[in-house]
Every structure is written in structure tokens, then in C-alpha cells.
């Protein structure tokens, strides 16, 4: 008998049990540390409601371990106008569960945030950039999260250019760390792999379940751990060295870490950084 058959059966059974027995949303917020009023901020520019959970491994650790003020900026609220108000309510619940702050770009969210609109609708694009620039100047973050420029979804790509255009107009200040994220299409040259603990992954899945209208259609919250497991397989060689041994992680998220300098992204000098669940994250931001 194939010795791996039981292993596969247990995975299938666990997914089925979770889908039938676990609540979607409707959970008390996870424990959150006291965040000082003057804590440095990290902004997540999420193209759609739910991206804050999917790429949230490092932001959640910044909140819990460094006590940073993590704020999700809802760039859009989806393309279906009849669902936008409901999706924002779901997003509010997810952010409350994780302890993230939440900024709405405008009622219903921004629209037509794409590279095509950037090229063809300069007045529309300028207004969107100004709104994001104002958020950056008001918040003065120490770190920002945004999709990479080839993330395989038009709004994800548009959000990349929206935020970088806004950064070019922002007032500036201290050093700004930029973490590019991936979901729909992997990055060719990421340089950071960040491990998440079992507790953090469970909380990200629980927060993602608050997006009820989306996960009822497709229970992708239950598949998030598998994606994070695969990140270890891929990141071990793409972030690390080709042919090398991957780090001894179970769950991780891949990022490209840069700084914003002189109006452009500049990748940090070190390459192939793997940050374990027990490493001191303050070293990442120094």
C-alpha cells in the first residue's frame, strides 16, 4: 500500500471538516498588545478586501512583536458596486480581528486603479494619487506594503503604480521600508522569506474568513496554509540559493524588501534573507 495515501486522506478530511464545522467571521478579536500612541506605522495598501490577510504574515508580526501601528488602506472595495458596502463591512471585521487599523480611500473605494487608467486617464489617476499621497503624509509610515509591478491582476499592478507615484509626491522624512508582495504572480527576484508561527497562520485564516461573501463562493481561506507552505519550497531556492536547502520553516510569506530613496525603490543590499518566527524583527528595519 502506498504509505502516503493516509497522509493525503488526512489533508482531504481536514479541509472538509474545516469547511463544514468552522465559523466564517463572527469571532472575538484575537489578543492584541498595547500599541503606544506614538508607535511607528506600517501601511498595507490592499488592492482588494482580503489582500490584507493573504500577505499579512509580516505585518501581523510587526504589530505583535515590535508593537507597530499596522493600518490597512482599502485602495478599492472590489469592482461589483452592489457588494462594495458589504465588502467594506467584512474588511472592517477582518481588520478588527487582527488588530489592524483601517483607512477607507473614499466611500466605495477608488475605481479603475489599473496601469491602463494611469496611461489613458491622467485626471482620474492624478486624483487617486493625491488621495494616497495625503494618507502617506498624514500617517508618515516607517514601512509600506504594496503589490509588485507584475502581480498578474490589473488592480494589483495598478495599486503598485498608484503607491509609487504617491511616494514620489510625498513629503518624505525618515527612512521608509517598502515590502512588495505577491499573490497572483510570483516575483522573479524576491529577497525576503518571513516565517509565521502556527498561531499567526491560524489568526490569518480566521481573519480571512470574515470575508464571508468571497469565501462562501470559494473557501480559499482554508487553502492559505498550503500557499504559505509552498512559499517555503519556492522561497528556499528563489530567495536563498538555487539548489540549496530551504530553511526549516513550515509557513512563510515571500516579499521583496527595498527602501524608498531619491524618488525610487532601491533593493536592500543584503540578499536571500530568511527570517524565522523567533528572529528579532527589529534587525529588519535597521
Protein backbone atom coordinates (compact mmCIF):
# COMPACT_ATOMS: atom_id res chain seq x y z
CA UNK A 1 0.00 0.00 0.00
CA UNK A 2 1.18 3.50 -0.81
CA UNK A 3 2.49 4.87 2.54
CA UNK A 4 1.46 8.43 1.57
CA UNK A 5 -2.20 7.59 1.00
CA UNK A 6 -3.16 8.20 4.61
CA UNK A 7 -1.27 11.49 4.56
CA UNK A 8 -3.34 12.69 1.59
CA UNK A 9 -6.57 11.37 3.12
CA UNK A 10 -5.91 13.35 6.29
CA UNK A 11 -5.40 16.54 4.30
CA UNK A 12 -8.68 16.00 2.42
CA UNK A 13 -10.51 15.18 5.65
CA UNK A 14 -9.12 18.21 7.44
CA UNK A 15 -10.23 20.54 4.65
CA UNK A 16 -13.72 19.04 4.58
CA UNK A 17 -14.08 19.20 8.36
CA UNK A 18 -12.89 22.81 8.47
CA UNK A 19 -15.27 23.86 5.73
CA UNK A 20 -18.26 22.28 7.46
CA UNK A 21 -17.54 23.00 11.11
CA UNK A 22 -15.68 26.29 11.35
CA UNK A 23 -17.50 29.65 11.50
CA UNK A 24 -16.92 32.30 8.88
CA UNK A 25 -16.23 35.54 10.66
CA UNK A 26 -18.26 36.21 13.80
CA UNK A 27 -15.23 35.73 16.08
CA UNK A 28 -13.98 37.75 19.02
CA UNK A 29 -10.83 39.76 18.16
CA UNK A 30 -7.53 37.99 18.63
CA UNK A 31 -5.34 39.18 21.55
CA UNK A 32 -3.55 42.40 20.66
CA UNK A 33 -0.67 44.06 22.50
CA UNK A 34 -0.94 47.61 23.75
CA UNK A 35 0.28 49.87 20.96
CA UNK A 36 1.85 53.16 22.07
CA UNK A 37 0.18 56.27 20.69
CA UNK A 38 3.45 57.33 19.07
CA UNK A 39 4.27 53.90 17.64
CA UNK A 40 5.68 53.90 14.09
CA UNK A 41 3.16 52.97 11.44
CA UNK A 42 3.15 50.31 8.74
CA UNK A 43 0.66 50.81 5.92
CA UNK A 44 -0.75 47.92 3.86
CA UNK A 45 -2.08 49.13 0.51
CA UNK A 46 -4.51 46.33 -0.29
CA UNK A 47 -5.88 46.27 -3.84
CA UNK A 48 -8.99 44.37 -2.70
CA UNK A 49 -10.55 43.48 0.64
CA UNK A 50 -8.85 40.22 1.72
CA UNK A 51 -5.32 41.05 0.49
CA UNK A 52 -4.52 42.39 3.97
CA UNK A 53 -4.91 38.83 5.33
CA UNK A 54 -3.30 36.94 2.46
CA UNK A 55 0.00 38.85 2.62
CA UNK A 56 -0.34 39.70 6.30
CA UNK A 57 2.33 37.42 7.77
CA UNK A 58 4.96 40.12 8.26
CA UNK A 59 2.55 42.97 9.11
CA UNK A 60 0.99 40.83 11.85
CA UNK A 61 4.43 40.11 13.30
CA UNK A 62 5.32 43.83 13.19
CA UNK A 63 2.20 44.54 15.25
CA UNK A 64 2.67 41.71 17.74
CA UNK A 65 6.43 41.72 18.14
CA UNK A 66 7.50 45.33 17.51
CA UNK A 67 4.20 46.91 18.57
CA UNK A 68 3.97 48.92 15.40
CA UNK A 69 0.69 50.50 14.38
CA UNK A 70 -0.39 48.47 11.34
CA UNK A 71 -3.03 50.16 9.19
CA UNK A 72 -4.72 48.68 6.14
CA UNK A 73 -5.55 51.16 3.37
CA UNK A 74 -8.52 49.86 1.36
CA UNK A 75 -7.50 51.02 -2.10
CA UNK A 76 -10.61 49.53 -3.71
CA UNK A 77 -13.64 47.67 -2.39
CA UNK A 78 -13.96 45.41 -5.39
CA UNK A 79 -15.43 46.04 -8.81
CA UNK A 80 -19.01 44.96 -8.05
CA UNK A 81 -20.68 48.11 -6.78
CA UNK A 82 -23.59 46.22 -5.23
CA UNK A 83 -21.07 44.41 -2.99
CA UNK A 84 -18.78 47.32 -2.08
CA UNK A 85 -20.51 48.35 1.13
CA UNK A 86 -20.78 44.75 2.26
CA UNK A 87 -17.15 44.05 1.41
CA UNK A 88 -16.05 47.05 3.46
CA UNK A 89 -18.06 45.74 6.43
CA UNK A 90 -16.35 42.36 6.02
CA UNK A 91 -12.98 44.09 5.79
CA UNK A 92 -13.71 46.05 8.95
CA UNK A 93 -14.34 42.79 10.80
CA UNK A 94 -11.15 41.19 9.48
CA UNK A 95 -9.01 44.17 10.47
CA UNK A 96 -10.64 44.38 13.89
CA UNK A 97 -9.92 40.69 14.44
CA UNK A 98 -6.20 41.09 13.64
CA UNK A 99 -5.83 44.44 15.39
CA UNK A 100 -5.13 46.37 12.18
CA UNK A 101 -6.31 49.93 11.73
CA UNK A 102 -8.32 50.71 8.61
CA UNK A 103 -8.42 53.69 6.25
CA UNK A 104 -11.03 53.98 3.51
CA UNK A 105 -9.68 55.83 0.48
CA UNK A 106 -13.21 57.08 -0.20
CA UNK A 107 -16.80 55.84 0.02
CA UNK A 108 -16.91 52.69 -2.10
CA UNK A 109 -13.14 52.78 -2.63
CA UNK A 110 -11.16 54.01 -5.62
CA UNK A 111 -12.08 52.71 -9.06
CA UNK A 112 -10.18 52.00 -12.27
CA UNK A 113 -6.86 51.56 -10.49
CA UNK A 114 -5.02 49.98 -13.40
CA UNK A 115 -1.94 50.65 -15.48
CA UNK A 116 -4.25 51.40 -18.42
CA UNK A 117 -6.07 54.12 -16.46
CA UNK A 118 -2.71 55.57 -15.42
CA UNK A 119 -1.83 55.91 -19.11
CA UNK A 120 -5.19 56.98 -20.54
CA UNK A 121 -6.99 58.90 -17.76
CA UNK A 122 -4.48 61.36 -16.30
CA UNK A 123 -7.03 63.48 -14.39
CA UNK A 124 -8.66 60.44 -12.81
CA UNK A 125 -5.26 58.98 -11.94
CA UNK A 126 -3.97 62.26 -10.51
CA UNK A 127 -6.91 62.43 -8.09
CA UNK A 128 -6.28 58.88 -6.89
CA UNK A 129 -2.56 59.54 -6.43
CA UNK A 130 -3.29 62.70 -4.45
CA UNK A 131 -5.57 60.78 -2.09
CA UNK A 132 -2.89 58.19 -1.41
CA UNK A 133 -0.22 60.88 -1.10
CA UNK A 134 -2.34 62.58 1.58
CA UNK A 135 -2.66 59.31 3.51
CA UNK A 136 1.11 58.79 3.41
CA UNK A 137 1.81 62.36 4.53
CA UNK A 138 -0.75 62.16 7.35
CA UNK A 139 0.49 58.78 8.58
CA UNK A 140 4.24 59.17 7.95
CA UNK A 141 4.80 55.41 7.93
CA UNK A 142 8.05 53.64 8.59
CA UNK A 143 7.06 50.76 6.30
CA UNK A 144 4.61 50.23 3.46
CA UNK A 145 3.34 47.06 1.78
CA UNK A 146 2.18 47.05 -1.85
CA UNK A 147 1.90 44.51 -4.69
CA UNK A 148 4.83 44.10 -7.04
CA UNK A 149 4.56 45.56 -10.53
CA UNK A 150 3.75 42.26 -12.29
CA UNK A 151 1.35 40.64 -9.84
CA UNK A 152 -0.92 39.16 -12.51
CA UNK A 153 -4.07 41.14 -11.69
CA UNK A 154 -4.78 44.56 -13.22
CA UNK A 155 -5.78 46.16 -9.91
CA UNK A 156 -2.78 44.70 -8.11
CA UNK A 157 -0.45 46.12 -10.78
CA UNK A 158 -2.35 49.41 -10.73
CA UNK A 159 -2.01 49.62 -6.95
CA UNK A 160 1.77 49.23 -7.28
CA UNK A 161 2.00 52.25 -9.57
CA UNK A 162 -0.57 54.20 -7.55
CA UNK A 163 1.50 53.90 -4.39
CA UNK A 164 4.89 54.50 -6.02
CA UNK A 165 3.51 57.59 -7.79
CA UNK A 166 2.18 58.82 -4.45
CA UNK A 167 5.51 58.13 -2.71
CA UNK A 168 7.23 60.29 -5.33
CA UNK A 169 4.97 63.21 -4.28
CA UNK A 170 5.03 62.57 -0.53
CA UNK A 171 6.83 64.87 1.88
CA UNK A 172 9.34 62.22 2.89
CA UNK A 173 11.15 62.13 6.21
CA UNK A 174 12.98 59.24 7.82
CA UNK A 175 13.96 56.02 6.06
CA UNK A 176 10.98 54.25 4.51
CA UNK A 177 10.98 50.47 4.14
CA UNK A 178 8.99 49.10 1.21
CA UNK A 179 7.83 45.48 1.09
CA UNK A 180 6.47 44.34 -2.26
CA UNK A 181 4.06 41.42 -2.08
CA UNK A 182 2.89 38.68 -4.42
CA UNK A 183 -0.20 36.57 -4.84
CA UNK A 184 -1.47 36.18 -8.41
CA UNK A 185 2.01 36.02 -9.95
CA UNK A 186 5.32 35.30 -8.20
CA UNK A 187 8.15 37.79 -8.20
CA UNK A 188 11.21 36.89 -10.24
CA UNK A 189 13.64 38.36 -7.72
CA UNK A 190 12.30 38.46 -4.13
CA UNK A 191 14.86 38.81 -1.36
CA UNK A 192 12.96 38.07 1.85
CA UNK A 193 11.23 35.00 3.29
CA UNK A 194 9.41 35.53 6.60
CA UNK A 195 8.21 32.63 8.72
CA UNK A 196 4.85 32.69 10.50
CA UNK A 197 4.01 30.74 13.63
CA UNK A 198 1.10 28.31 13.79
CA UNK A 199 -0.76 30.84 15.94
CA UNK A 200 -0.27 33.64 13.42
CA UNK A 201 -1.35 31.45 10.49
CA UNK A 202 -4.48 30.37 12.36
CA UNK A 203 -5.31 34.02 13.01
CA UNK A 204 -4.75 34.99 9.37
CA UNK A 205 -7.10 32.19 8.27
CA UNK A 206 -9.68 33.28 10.85
CA UNK A 207 -9.44 36.90 9.70
CA UNK A 208 -9.78 35.85 6.06
CA UNK A 209 -12.99 34.01 6.98
CA UNK A 210 -14.57 37.39 7.78
CA UNK A 211 -14.71 37.98 4.01
CA UNK A 212 -17.82 35.84 4.03
CA UNK A 213 -19.19 36.68 0.61
CA UNK A 214 -15.90 35.71 -1.01
CA UNK A 215 -15.06 32.53 0.92
CA UNK A 216 -18.61 31.16 0.55
CA UNK A 217 -18.01 31.27 -3.20
CA UNK A 218 -14.50 29.85 -2.90
CA UNK A 219 -13.15 28.70 0.51
CA UNK A 220 -9.67 29.98 -0.22
CA UNK A 221 -9.14 30.89 3.44
CA UNK A 222 -8.70 27.15 4.08
CA UNK A 223 -6.04 26.96 1.36
CA UNK A 224 -3.95 29.84 2.69
CA UNK A 225 -1.77 27.49 4.82
CA UNK A 226 -0.97 25.41 1.72
CA UNK A 227 0.10 28.55 -0.14
CA UNK A 228 2.33 29.51 2.79
CA UNK A 229 3.82 26.01 2.85
CA UNK A 230 4.59 26.27 -0.86
CA UNK A 231 6.25 29.63 -0.25
CA UNK A 232 8.85 27.77 1.82
CA UNK A 233 9.52 25.34 -1.03
CA UNK A 234 9.85 28.11 -3.60
CA UNK A 235 11.38 30.77 -1.40
CA UNK A 236 14.04 28.45 -0.08
CA UNK A 237 15.67 28.49 -3.52
CA UNK A 238 14.46 31.76 -5.07
CA UNK A 239 15.18 33.88 -2.01
CA UNK A 240 18.01 31.64 -0.90
CA UNK A 241 20.39 29.84 -3.24
CA UNK A 242 19.42 27.62 -6.14
CA UNK A 243 19.97 24.02 -5.16
CA UNK A 244 20.38 24.96 -1.51
CA UNK A 245 18.45 23.58 1.43
CA UNK A 246 15.30 25.52 2.35
CA UNK A 247 15.03 26.90 5.89
CA UNK A 248 13.32 24.72 8.46
CA UNK A 249 10.02 26.63 8.25
CA UNK A 250 6.50 25.27 7.85
CA UNK A 251 4.71 28.51 6.90
CA UNK A 252 6.19 31.63 5.32
CA UNK A 253 5.48 34.60 3.04
CA UNK A 254 7.72 35.94 0.28
CA UNK A 255 8.48 39.66 -0.06
CA UNK A 256 10.84 41.99 -1.90
CA UNK A 257 12.36 44.39 0.61
CA UNK A 258 13.52 47.78 -0.62
CA UNK A 259 13.91 51.29 0.67
CA UNK A 260 12.42 54.37 -0.94
CA UNK A 261 15.29 56.68 -1.79
CA UNK A 262 15.64 59.62 -4.20
CA UNK A 263 12.23 59.01 -5.70
CA UNK A 264 12.74 55.33 -6.50
CA UNK A 265 12.83 51.87 -4.99
CA UNK A 266 16.28 50.64 -4.02
CA UNK A 267 16.60 46.99 -3.02
CA UNK A 268 18.30 46.45 0.30
CA UNK A 269 21.91 45.37 -0.10
CA UNK A 270 21.60 42.01 1.60
CA UNK A 271 20.10 39.21 -0.45
CA UNK A 272 18.41 36.00 0.48
CA UNK A 273 17.24 36.93 3.97
CA UNK A 274 15.18 34.28 5.76
CA UNK A 275 13.58 35.48 8.98
CA UNK A 276 12.42 32.77 11.37
CA UNK A 277 9.50 33.04 13.76
CA UNK A 278 11.96 33.57 16.63
CA UNK A 279 14.25 36.13 14.96
CA UNK A 280 14.25 39.74 16.15
CA UNK A 281 12.33 41.72 13.54
CA UNK A 282 13.91 45.00 14.61
CA UNK A 283 17.02 43.95 12.69
CA UNK A 284 14.94 44.01 9.51
CA UNK A 285 14.08 47.69 9.89
CA UNK A 286 17.51 48.95 10.93
